[in-house]
Amino acid sequence: MQVLETWAGSTLSWTLLLRAVAAQTGKRYTRQALQRHSRVQLAFALKRATLECKLNSPRVETPELSAALERIARQERTIARLMLENCRLNELLHAQSRANSAP
């Protein structure tokens, strides 16, 4: 998750992600192993969409502004991912409570 949240490249693919994870953690994963986790799938999709938006809207900015905008974007992606995870967990909790209360 941290690799995706701090991704600095201009493009993102599963191959590039796997290389970055291996470089950072020293562990090698397959695409299928990472895709099995809904959190990773969601973070990957959000990051990829963000990168596509950046490519479509070039800006001229100072290095300070660029760093601040990147920090804000990273925090917004984290918030969006956490909100989606929270909704998913709430749905699971409600489904479990309904199953437990059924006669």
PDB file of N, CA and C in Angstrom:
ATOM      1  N   MET A   1       0.831  -1.187   0.000  1.00  0.00           N
ATOM      2  CA  MET A   1       0.000   0.000   0.000  1.00  0.00           C
ATOM      3  C   MET A   1       0.877   1.253   0.000  1.00  0.00           C
ATOM      4  N   GLN A   2       1.930   1.214   0.783  1.00  0.00           N
ATOM      5  CA  GLN A   2       2.802   2.384   0.874  1.00  0.00           C
ATOM      6  C   GLN A   2       3.486   2.662  -0.459  1.00  0.00           C
ATOM      7  N   VAL A   3       3.851   1.618  -1.177  1.00  0.00           N
ATOM      8  CA  VAL A   3       4.489   1.799  -2.475  1.00  0.00           C
ATOM      9  C   VAL A   3       3.541   2.531  -3.422  1.00  0.00           C
ATOM     10  N   LEU A   4       2.284   2.142  -3.424  1.00  0.00           N
ATOM     11  CA  LEU A   4       1.308   2.817  -4.286  1.00  0.00           C
ATOM     12  C   LEU A   4       1.037   4.250  -3.849  1.00  0.00           C
ATOM     13  N   GLU A   5       0.945   4.465  -2.554  1.00  0.00           N
ATOM     14  CA  GLU A   5       0.646   5.812  -2.053  1.00  0.00           C
ATOM     15  C   GLU A   5       1.785   6.792  -2.313  1.00  0.00           C
ATOM     16  N   THR A   6       3.009   6.290  -2.371  1.00  0.00           N
ATOM     17  CA  THR A   6       4.165   7.169  -2.585  1.00  0.00           C
ATOM     18  C   THR A   6       4.713   7.058  -4.002  1.00  0.00           C
ATOM     19  N   TRP A   7       3.944   6.483  -4.906  1.00  0.00           N
ATOM     20  CA  TRP A   7       4.396   6.271  -6.280  1.00  0.00           C
ATOM     21  C   TRP A   7       4.774   7.600  -6.911  1.00  0.00           C
ATOM     22  N   ALA A   8       5.996   7.677  -7.459  1.00  0.00           N
ATOM     23  CA  ALA A   8       6.487   8.930  -8.024  1.00  0.00           C
ATOM     24  C   ALA A   8       6.579   8.889  -9.546  1.00  0.00           C
ATOM     25  N   GLY A   9       6.396   7.734 -10.141  1.00  0.00           N
ATOM     26  CA  GLY A   9       6.501   7.611 -11.586  1.00  0.00           C
ATOM     27  C   GLY A   9       5.343   8.272 -12.307  1.00  0.00           C
ATOM     28  N   SER A  10       5.522   8.489 -13.611  1.00  0.00           N
ATOM     29  CA  SER A  10       4.454   9.109 -14.393  1.00  0.00           C
ATOM     30  C   SER A  10       3.517   8.065 -14.977  1.00  0.00           C
ATOM     31  N   THR A  11       3.933   6.795 -14.970  1.00  0.00           N
ATOM     32  CA  THR A  11       3.064   5.707 -15.421  1.00  0.00           C
ATOM     33  C   THR A  11       3.063   4.616 -14.358  1.00  0.00           C
ATOM     34  N   LEU A  12       2.009   3.810 -14.392  1.00  0.00           N
ATOM     35  CA  LEU A  12       1.886   2.730 -13.419  1.00  0.00           C
ATOM     36  C   LEU A  12       1.357   1.492 -14.119  1.00  0.00           C
ATOM     37  N   SER A  13       2.033   0.396 -13.898  1.00  0.00           N
ATOM     38  CA  SER A  13       1.576  -0.892 -14.407  1.00  0.00           C
ATOM     39  C   SER A  13       1.837  -1.918 -13.317  1.00  0.00           C
ATOM     40  N   TRP A  14       1.233  -3.091 -13.456  1.00  0.00           N
ATOM     41  CA  TRP A  14       1.462  -4.130 -12.455  1.00  0.00           C
ATOM     42  C   TRP A  14       2.932  -4.541 -12.440  1.00  0.00           C
ATOM     43  N   THR A  15       3.547  -4.588 -13.612  1.00  0.00           N
ATOM     44  CA  THR A  15       4.966  -4.964 -13.688  1.00  0.00           C
ATOM     45  C   THR A  15       5.829  -3.961 -12.935  1.00  0.00           C
ATOM     46  N   LEU A  16       5.583  -2.679 -13.162  1.00  0.00           N
ATOM     47  CA  LEU A  16       6.359  -1.650 -12.462  1.00  0.00           C
ATOM     48  C   LEU A  16       6.111  -1.704 -10.955  1.00  0.00           C
ATOM     49  N   LEU A  17       4.860  -1.946 -10.579  1.00  0.00           N
ATOM     50  CA  LEU A  17       4.532  -2.043  -9.158  1.00  0.00           C
ATOM     51  C   LEU A  17       5.247  -3.231  -8.513  1.00  0.00           C
ATOM     52  N   LEU A  18       5.250  -4.365  -9.188  1.00  0.00           N
ATOM     53  CA  LEU A  18       5.919  -5.555  -8.644  1.00  0.00           C
ATOM     54  C   LEU A  18       7.412  -5.310  -8.451  1.00  0.00           C
ATOM     55  N   ARG A  19       8.030  -4.631  -9.406  1.00  0.00           N
ATOM     56  CA  ARG A  19       9.468  -4.301  -9.273  1.00  0.00           C
ATOM     57  C   ARG A  19       9.706  -3.377  -8.087  1.00  0.00           C
ATOM     58  N   ALA A  20       8.838  -2.376  -7.934  1.00  0.00           N
ATOM     59  CA  ALA A  20       9.002  -1.417  -6.829  1.00  0.00           C
ATOM     60  C   ALA A  20       8.800  -2.100  -5.477  1.00  0.00           C
ATOM     61  N   VAL A  21       7.820  -2.979  -5.385  1.00  0.00           N
ATOM     62  CA  VAL A  21       7.582  -3.710  -4.139  1.00  0.00           C
ATOM     63  C   VAL A  21       8.780  -4.593  -3.818  1.00  0.00           C
ATOM     64  N   ALA A  22       9.312  -5.277  -4.828  1.00  0.00           N
ATOM     65  CA  ALA A  22      10.483  -6.132  -4.614  1.00  0.00           C
ATOM     66  C   ALA A  22      11.693  -5.316  -4.173  1.00  0.00           C
ATOM     67  N   ALA A  23      11.877  -4.143  -4.768  1.00  0.00           N
ATOM     68  CA  ALA A  23      13.008  -3.291  -4.396  1.00  0.00           C
ATOM     69  C   ALA A  23      12.869  -2.761  -2.974  1.00  0.00           C
ATOM     70  N   GLN A  24      11.643  -2.429  -2.577  1.00  0.00           N
ATOM     71  CA  GLN A  24      11.439  -1.846  -1.255  1.00  0.00           C
ATOM     72  C   GLN A  24      11.401  -2.897  -0.152  1.00  0.00           C
ATOM     73  N   THR A  25      10.784  -4.039  -0.420  1.00  0.00           N
ATOM     74  CA  THR A  25      10.598  -5.033   0.638  1.00  0.00           C
ATOM     75  C   THR A  25      11.568  -6.205   0.554  1.00  0.00           C
ATOM     76  N   GLY A  26      12.143  -6.424  -0.628  1.00  0.00           N
ATOM     77  CA  GLY A  26      13.005  -7.578  -0.806  1.00  0.00           C
ATOM     78  C   GLY A  26      12.223  -8.859  -1.062  1.00  0.00           C
ATOM     79  N   LYS A  27      10.907  -8.761  -1.170  1.00  0.00           N
ATOM     80  CA  LYS A  27      10.054  -9.924  -1.433  1.00  0.00           C
ATOM     81  C   LYS A  27       9.466  -9.810  -2.827  1.00  0.00           C
ATOM     82  N   ARG A  28       9.371 -10.936  -3.510  1.00  0.00           N
ATOM     83  CA  ARG A  28       8.812 -10.957  -4.859  1.00  0.00           C
ATOM     84  C   ARG A  28       7.390 -11.505  -4.803  1.00  0.00           C
ATOM     85  N   TYR A  29       6.476 -10.765  -5.411  1.00  0.00           N
ATOM     86  CA  TYR A  29       5.083 -11.165  -5.483  1.00  0.00           C
ATOM     87  C   TYR A  29       4.676 -11.294  -6.944  1.00  0.00           C
ATOM     88  N   THR A  30       3.616 -12.020  -7.185  1.00  0.00           N
ATOM     89  CA  THR A  30       3.038 -12.066  -8.523  1.00  0.00           C
ATOM     90  C   THR A  30       1.892 -11.060  -8.577  1.00  0.00           C
ATOM     91  N   ARG A  31       1.499 -10.727  -9.806  1.00  0.00           N
ATOM     92  CA  ARG A  31       0.377  -9.811  -9.977  1.00  0.00           C
ATOM     93  C   ARG A  31      -0.879 -10.409  -9.344  1.00  0.00           C
ATOM     94  N   GLN A  32      -1.060 -11.701  -9.537  1.00  0.00           N
ATOM     95  CA  GLN A  32      -2.248 -12.356  -8.997  1.00  0.00           C
ATOM     96  C   GLN A  32      -2.270 -12.301  -7.468  1.00  0.00           C
ATOM     97  N   ALA A  33      -1.112 -12.450  -6.853  1.00  0.00           N
ATOM     98  CA  ALA A  33      -1.049 -12.399  -5.392  1.00  0.00           C
ATOM     99  C   ALA A  33      -1.451 -11.019  -4.873  1.00  0.00           C
ATOM    100  N   LEU A  34      -1.018  -9.988  -5.545  1.00  0.00           N
ATOM    101  CA  LEU A  34      -1.378  -8.633  -5.111  1.00  0.00           C
ATOM    102  C   LEU A  34      -2.832  -8.321  -5.448  1.00  0.00           C
ATOM    103  N   GLN A  35      -3.294  -8.784  -6.610  1.00  0.00           N
ATOM    104  CA  GLN A  35      -4.667  -8.488  -7.013  1.00  0.00           C
ATOM    105  C   GLN A  35      -5.703  -9.206  -6.161  1.00  0.00           C
ATOM    106  N   ARG A  36      -5.289 -10.223  -5.443  1.00  0.00           N
ATOM    107  CA  ARG A  36      -6.225 -10.926  -4.562  1.00  0.00           C
ATOM    108  C   ARG A  36      -6.720 -10.026  -3.429  1.00  0.00           C
ATOM    109  N   HIS A  37      -5.977  -8.996  -3.130  1.00  0.00           N
ATOM    110  CA  HIS A  37      -6.323  -8.097  -2.022  1.00  0.00           C
ATOM    111  C   HIS A  37      -7.099  -6.901  -2.573  1.00  0.00           C
ATOM    112  N   SER A  38      -8.325  -6.750  -2.110  1.00  0.00           N
ATOM    113  CA  SER A  38      -9.173  -5.663  -2.623  1.00  0.00           C
ATOM    114  C   SER A  38      -8.578  -4.292  -2.316  1.00  0.00           C
ATOM    115  N   ARG A  39      -7.886  -4.177  -1.197  1.00  0.00           N
ATOM    116  CA  ARG A  39      -7.264  -2.887  -0.857  1.00  0.00           C
ATOM    117  C   ARG A  39      -6.216  -2.505  -1.897  1.00  0.00           C
ATOM    118  N   VAL A  40      -5.429  -3.488  -2.336  1.00  0.00           N
ATOM    119  CA  VAL A  40      -4.389  -3.221  -3.325  1.00  0.00           C
ATOM    120  C   VAL A  40      -5.026  -2.896  -4.673  1.00  0.00           C
ATOM    121  N   GLN A  41      -6.049  -3.628  -5.058  1.00  0.00           N
ATOM    122  CA  GLN A  41      -6.742  -3.348  -6.314  1.00  0.00           C
ATOM    123  C   GLN A  41      -7.292  -1.926  -6.327  1.00  0.00           C
ATOM    124  N   LEU A  42      -7.925  -1.537  -5.233  1.00  0.00           N
ATOM    125  CA  LEU A  42      -8.510  -0.208  -5.134  1.00  0.00           C
ATOM    126  C   LEU A  42      -7.436   0.873  -5.187  1.00  0.00           C
ATOM    127  N   ALA A  43      -6.377   0.703  -4.419  1.00  0.00           N
ATOM    128  CA  ALA A  43      -5.295   1.690  -4.407  1.00  0.00           C
ATOM    129  C   ALA A  43      -4.649   1.799  -5.785  1.00  0.00           C
ATOM    130  N   PHE A  44      -4.472   0.669  -6.459  1.00  0.00           N
ATOM    131  CA  PHE A  44      -3.888   0.660  -7.795  1.00  0.00           C
ATOM    132  C   PHE A  44      -4.776   1.438  -8.761  1.00  0.00           C
ATOM    133  N   ALA A  45      -6.071   1.174  -8.731  1.00  0.00           N
ATOM    134  CA  ALA A  45      -7.014   1.857  -9.628  1.00  0.00           C
ATOM    135  C   ALA A  45      -7.045   3.362  -9.358  1.00  0.00           C
ATOM    136  N   LEU A  46      -7.060   3.747  -8.091  1.00  0.00           N
ATOM    137  CA  LEU A  46      -7.075   5.173  -7.747  1.00  0.00           C
ATOM    138  C   LEU A  46      -5.801   5.871  -8.215  1.00  0.00           C
ATOM    139  N   LYS A  47      -4.666   5.234  -7.998  1.00  0.00           N
ATOM    140  CA  LYS A  47      -3.392   5.831  -8.387  1.00  0.00           C
ATOM    141  C   LYS A  47      -3.302   5.962  -9.898  1.00  0.00           C
ATOM    142  N   ARG A  48      -3.737   4.925 -10.600  1.00  0.00           N
ATOM    143  CA  ARG A  48      -3.684   4.955 -12.054  1.00  0.00           C
ATOM    144  C   ARG A  48      -4.588   6.055 -12.611  1.00  0.00           C
ATOM    145  N   ALA A  49      -5.781   6.203 -12.044  1.00  0.00           N
ATOM    146  CA  ALA A  49      -6.692   7.263 -12.481  1.00  0.00           C
ATOM    147  C   ALA A  49      -6.102   8.637 -12.214  1.00  0.00           C
ATOM    148  N   THR A  50      -5.441   8.788 -11.079  1.00  0.00           N
ATOM    149  CA  THR A  50      -4.800  10.062 -10.740  1.00  0.00           C
ATOM    150  C   THR A  50      -3.698  10.390 -11.733  1.00  0.00           C
ATOM    151  N   LEU A  51      -2.901   9.394 -12.089  1.00  0.00           N
ATOM    152  CA  LEU A  51      -1.820   9.627 -13.050  1.00  0.00           C
ATOM    153  C   LEU A  51      -2.370  10.000 -14.424  1.00  0.00           C
ATOM    154  N   GLU A  52      -3.466   9.379 -14.832  1.00  0.00           N
ATOM    155  CA  GLU A  52      -4.070   9.709 -16.117  1.00  0.00           C
ATOM    156  C   GLU A  52      -4.593  11.141 -16.130  1.00  0.00           C
ATOM    157  N   CYS A  53      -5.149  11.584 -15.011  1.00  0.00           N
ATOM    158  CA  CYS A  53      -5.628  12.971 -14.917  1.00  0.00           C
ATOM    159  C   CYS A  53      -4.467  13.946 -15.005  1.00  0.00           C
ATOM    160  N   LYS A  54      -3.349  13.605 -14.380  1.00  0.00           N
ATOM    161  CA  LYS A  54      -2.171  14.479 -14.428  1.00  0.00           C
ATOM    162  C   LYS A  54      -1.654  14.624 -15.846  1.00  0.00           C
ATOM    163  N   LEU A  55      -1.655  13.540 -16.596  1.00  0.00           N
ATOM    164  CA  LEU A  55      -1.165  13.587 -17.973  1.00  0.00           C
ATOM    165  C   LEU A  55      -2.045  14.457 -18.848  1.00  0.00           C
ATOM    166  N   ASN A  56      -3.321  14.524 -18.542  1.00  0.00           N
ATOM    167  CA  ASN A  56      -4.256  15.296 -19.353  1.00  0.00           C
ATOM    168  C   ASN A  56      -4.314  16.771 -18.977  1.00  0.00           C
ATOM    169  N   SER A  57      -3.713  17.163 -17.864  1.00  0.00           N
ATOM    170  CA  SER A  57      -3.770  18.563 -17.451  1.00  0.00           C
ATOM    171  C   SER A  57      -2.396  19.043 -16.992  1.00  0.00           C
ATOM    172  N   PRO A  58      -1.499  19.349 -17.930  1.00  0.00           N
ATOM    173  CA  PRO A  58      -0.161  19.821 -17.550  1.00  0.00           C
ATOM    174  C   PRO A  58      -0.226  21.219 -16.925  1.00  0.00           C
ATOM    175  N   ARG A  59       0.645  21.459 -15.951  1.00  0.00           N
ATOM    176  CA  ARG A  59       0.692  22.757 -15.259  1.00  0.00           C
ATOM    177  C   ARG A  59       2.123  23.264 -15.223  1.00  0.00           C
ATOM    178  N   VAL A  60       2.235  24.572 -15.140  1.00  0.00           N
ATOM    179  CA  VAL A  60       3.532  25.198 -14.913  1.00  0.00           C
ATOM    180  C   VAL A  60       3.502  25.694 -13.474  1.00  0.00           C
ATOM    181  N   GLU A  61       4.420  25.182 -12.653  1.00  0.00           N
ATOM    182  CA  GLU A  61       4.385  25.533 -11.241  1.00  0.00           C
ATOM    183  C   GLU A  61       5.790  25.527 -10.649  1.00  0.00           C
ATOM    184  N   THR A  62       5.917  26.155  -9.505  1.00  0.00           N
ATOM    185  CA  THR A  62       7.195  26.193  -8.807  1.00  0.00           C
ATOM    186  C   THR A  62       7.438  24.836  -8.137  1.00  0.00           C
ATOM    187  N   PRO A  63       8.688  24.532  -7.801  1.00  0.00           N
ATOM    188  CA  PRO A  63       8.969  23.267  -7.116  1.00  0.00           C
ATOM    189  C   PRO A  63       8.234  23.143  -5.777  1.00  0.00           C
ATOM    190  N   GLU A  64       8.105  24.257  -5.060  1.00  0.00           N
ATOM    191  CA  GLU A  64       7.408  24.231  -3.780  1.00  0.00           C
ATOM    192  C   GLU A  64       5.933  23.905  -3.963  1.00  0.00           C
ATOM    193  N   LEU A  65       5.320  24.555  -4.950  1.00  0.00           N
ATOM    194  CA  LEU A  65       3.908  24.303  -5.233  1.00  0.00           C
ATOM    195  C   LEU A  65       3.709  22.869  -5.708  1.00  0.00           C
ATOM    196  N   SER A  66       4.611  22.403  -6.526  1.00  0.00           N
ATOM    197  CA  SER A  66       4.526  21.024  -7.019  1.00  0.00           C
ATOM    198  C   SER A  66       4.593  20.029  -5.865  1.00  0.00           C
ATOM    199  N   ALA A  67       5.497  20.246  -4.928  1.00  0.00           N
ATOM    200  CA  ALA A  67       5.625  19.352  -3.767  1.00  0.00           C
ATOM    201  C   ALA A  67       4.367  19.402  -2.906  1.00  0.00           C
ATOM    202  N   ALA A  68       3.836  20.595  -2.704  1.00  0.00           N
ATOM    203  CA  ALA A  68       2.622  20.734  -1.902  1.00  0.00           C
ATOM    204  C   ALA A  68       1.433  20.062  -2.579  1.00  0.00           C
ATOM    205  N   LEU A  69       1.310  20.241  -3.883  1.00  0.00           N
ATOM    206  CA  LEU A  69       0.215  19.615  -4.623  1.00  0.00           C
ATOM    207  C   LEU A  69       0.326  18.095  -4.597  1.00  0.00           C
ATOM    208  N   GLU A  70       1.540  17.589  -4.689  1.00  0.00           N
ATOM    209  CA  GLU A  70       1.734  16.136  -4.628  1.00  0.00           C
ATOM    210  C   GLU A  70       1.360  15.600  -3.251  1.00  0.00           C
ATOM    211  N   ARG A  71       1.726  16.323  -2.207  1.00  0.00           N
ATOM    212  CA  ARG A  71       1.375  15.898  -0.845  1.00  0.00           C
ATOM    213  C   ARG A  71      -0.141  15.898  -0.653  1.00  0.00           C
ATOM    214  N   ILE A  72      -0.791  16.928  -1.145  1.00  0.00           N
ATOM    215  CA  ILE A  72      -2.245  17.005  -1.048  1.00  0.00           C
ATOM    216  C   ILE A  72      -2.898  15.863  -1.824  1.00  0.00           C
ATOM    217  N   ALA A  73      -2.410  15.617  -3.021  1.00  0.00           N
ATOM    218  CA  ALA A  73      -2.972  14.537  -3.844  1.00  0.00           C
ATOM    219  C   ALA A  73      -2.777  13.187  -3.157  1.00  0.00           C
ATOM    220  N   ARG A  74      -1.612  12.962  -2.563  1.00  0.00           N
ATOM    221  CA  ARG A  74      -1.339  11.701  -1.863  1.00  0.00           C
ATOM    222  C   ARG A  74      -2.286  11.533  -0.681  1.00  0.00           C
ATOM    223  N   GLN A  75      -2.505  12.618   0.063  1.00  0.00           N
ATOM    224  CA  GLN A  75      -3.416  12.558   1.206  1.00  0.00           C
ATOM    225  C   GLN A  75      -4.855  12.342   0.747  1.00  0.00           C
ATOM    226  N   GLU A  76      -5.248  12.965  -0.348  1.00  0.00           N
ATOM    227  CA  GLU A  76      -6.603  12.767  -0.871  1.00  0.00           C
ATOM    228  C   GLU A  76      -6.806  11.324  -1.329  1.00  0.00           C
ATOM    229  N   ARG A  77      -5.793  10.730  -1.960  1.00  0.00           N
ATOM    230  CA  ARG A  77      -5.898   9.327  -2.376  1.00  0.00           C
ATOM    231  C   ARG A  77      -6.012   8.418  -1.166  1.00  0.00           C
ATOM    232  N   THR A  78      -5.236   8.703  -0.136  1.00  0.00           N
ATOM    233  CA  THR A  78      -5.298   7.892   1.079  1.00  0.00           C
ATOM    234  C   THR A  78      -6.676   8.006   1.716  1.00  0.00           C
ATOM    235  N   ILE A  79      -7.208   9.209   1.792  1.00  0.00           N
ATOM    236  CA  ILE A  79      -8.535   9.423   2.367  1.00  0.00           C
ATOM    237  C   ILE A  79      -9.590   8.678   1.555  1.00  0.00           C
ATOM    238  N   ALA A  80      -9.534   8.775   0.229  1.00  0.00           N
ATOM    239  CA  ALA A  80     -10.517   8.098  -0.621  1.00  0.00           C
ATOM    240  C   ALA A  80     -10.446   6.593  -0.431  1.00  0.00           C
ATOM    241  N   ARG A  81      -9.230   6.060  -0.380  1.00  0.00           N
ATOM    242  CA  ARG A  81      -9.063   4.623  -0.189  1.00  0.00           C
ATOM    243  C   ARG A  81      -9.604   4.194   1.163  1.00  0.00           C
ATOM    244  N   LEU A  82      -9.299   4.944   2.208  1.00  0.00           N
ATOM    245  CA  LEU A  82      -9.766   4.591   3.544  1.00  0.00           C
ATOM    246  C   LEU A  82     -11.288   4.696   3.650  1.00  0.00           C
ATOM    247  N   MET A  83     -11.876   5.686   2.996  1.00  0.00           N
ATOM    248  CA  MET A  83     -13.334   5.809   3.024  1.00  0.00           C
ATOM    249  C   MET A  83     -13.995   4.621   2.329  1.00  0.00           C
ATOM    250  N   LEU A  84     -13.440   4.195   1.199  1.00  0.00           N
ATOM    251  CA  LEU A  84     -13.988   3.030   0.503  1.00  0.00           C
ATOM    252  C   LEU A  84     -13.824   1.762   1.327  1.00  0.00           C
ATOM    253  N   GLU A  85     -12.667   1.613   1.958  1.00  0.00           N
ATOM    254  CA  GLU A  85     -12.451   0.454   2.827  1.00  0.00           C
ATOM    255  C   GLU A  85     -13.433   0.465   3.992  1.00  0.00           C
ATOM    256  N   ASN A  86     -13.667   1.643   4.559  1.00  0.00           N
ATOM    257  CA  ASN A  86     -14.598   1.770   5.673  1.00  0.00           C
ATOM    258  C   ASN A  86     -16.010   1.371   5.252  1.00  0.00           C
ATOM    259  N   CYS A  87     -16.431   1.821   4.074  1.00  0.00           N
ATOM    260  CA  CYS A  87     -17.763   1.445   3.574  1.00  0.00           C
ATOM    261  C   CYS A  87     -17.852  -0.066   3.390  1.00  0.00           C
ATOM    262  N   ARG A  88     -16.812  -0.660   2.824  1.00  0.00           N
ATOM    263  CA  ARG A  88     -16.810  -2.104   2.607  1.00  0.00           C
ATOM    264  C   ARG A  88     -16.877  -2.849   3.930  1.00  0.00           C
ATOM    265  N   LEU A  89     -16.132  -2.396   4.920  1.00  0.00           N
ATOM    266  CA  LEU A  89     -16.144  -3.044   6.229  1.00  0.00           C
ATOM    267  C   LEU A  89     -17.489  -2.864   6.928  1.00  0.00           C
ATOM    268  N   ASN A  90     -18.108  -1.698   6.779  1.00  0.00           N
ATOM    269  CA  ASN A  90     -19.447  -1.478   7.346  1.00  0.00           C
ATOM    270  C   ASN A  90     -20.466  -2.423   6.714  1.00  0.00           C
ATOM    271  N   GLU A  91     -20.366  -2.617   5.409  1.00  0.00           N
ATOM    272  CA  GLU A  91     -21.273  -3.550   4.734  1.00  0.00           C
ATOM    273  C   GLU A  91     -21.079  -4.969   5.271  1.00  0.00           C
ATOM    274  N   LEU A  92     -19.824  -5.374   5.449  1.00  0.00           N
ATOM    275  CA  LEU A  92     -19.551  -6.704   5.999  1.00  0.00           C
ATOM    276  C   LEU A  92     -20.096  -6.841   7.416  1.00  0.00           C
ATOM    277  N   LEU A  93     -19.932  -5.802   8.214  1.00  0.00           N
ATOM    278  CA  LEU A  93     -20.419  -5.825   9.590  1.00  0.00           C
ATOM    279  C   LEU A  93     -21.937  -5.941   9.621  1.00  0.00           C
ATOM    280  N   HIS A  94     -22.625  -5.164   8.779  1.00  0.00           N
ATOM    281  CA  HIS A  94     -24.086  -5.229   8.736  1.00  0.00           C
ATOM    282  C   HIS A  94     -24.563  -6.594   8.246  1.00  0.00           C
ATOM    283  N   ALA A  95     -23.893  -7.137   7.257  1.00  0.00           N
ATOM    284  CA  ALA A  95     -24.264  -8.463   6.749  1.00  0.00           C
ATOM    285  C   ALA A  95     -24.057  -9.518   7.828  1.00  0.00           C
ATOM    286  N   GLN A  96     -22.976  -9.395   8.568  1.00  0.00           N
ATOM    287  CA  GLN A  96     -22.693 -10.360   9.630  1.00  0.00           C
ATOM    288  C   GLN A  96     -23.710 -10.223  10.763  1.00  0.00           C
ATOM    289  N   SER A  97     -24.073  -9.013  11.139  1.00  0.00           N
ATOM    290  CA  SER A  97     -25.040  -8.821  12.220  1.00  0.00           C
ATOM    291  C   SER A  97     -26.419  -9.326  11.801  1.00  0.00           C
ATOM    292  N   ARG A  98     -26.780  -9.157  10.503  1.00  0.00           N
ATOM    293  CA  ARG A  98     -28.059  -9.689  10.031  1.00  0.00           C
ATOM    294  C   ARG A  98     -28.040 -11.218  10.057  1.00  0.00           C
ATOM    295  N   ALA A  99     -26.914 -11.811   9.692  1.00  0.00           N
ATOM    296  CA  ALA A  99     -26.810 -13.269   9.705  1.00  0.00           C
ATOM    297  C   ALA A  99     -26.861 -13.814  11.121  1.00  0.00           C
ATOM    298  N   ASN A 100     -26.283 -13.102  12.067  1.00  0.00           N
ATOM    299  CA  ASN A 100     -26.281 -13.546  13.468  1.00  0.00           C
ATOM    300  C   ASN A 100     -27.653 -13.384  14.122  1.00  0.00           C
ATOM    301  N   SER A 101     -28.428 -12.412  13.671  1.00  0.00           N
ATOM    302  CA  SER A 101     -29.735 -12.160  14.285  1.00  0.00           C
ATOM    303  C   SER A 101     -30.854 -12.981  13.630  1.00  0.00           C
ATOM    304  N   ALA A 102     -30.550 -13.606  12.499  1.00  0.00           N
ATOM    305  CA  ALA A 102     -31.560 -14.431  11.820  1.00  0.00           C
ATOM    306  C   ALA A 102     -31.826 -15.688  12.657  1.00  0.00           C
ATOM    307  N   PRO A 103     -33.116 -16.099  12.789  1.00  0.00           N
ATOM    308  CA  PRO A 103     -33.439 -17.263  13.615  1.00  0.00           C
ATOM    309  C   PRO A 103     -32.970 -18.565  13.041  1.00  0.00           C
TER     310      PRO A 103
END
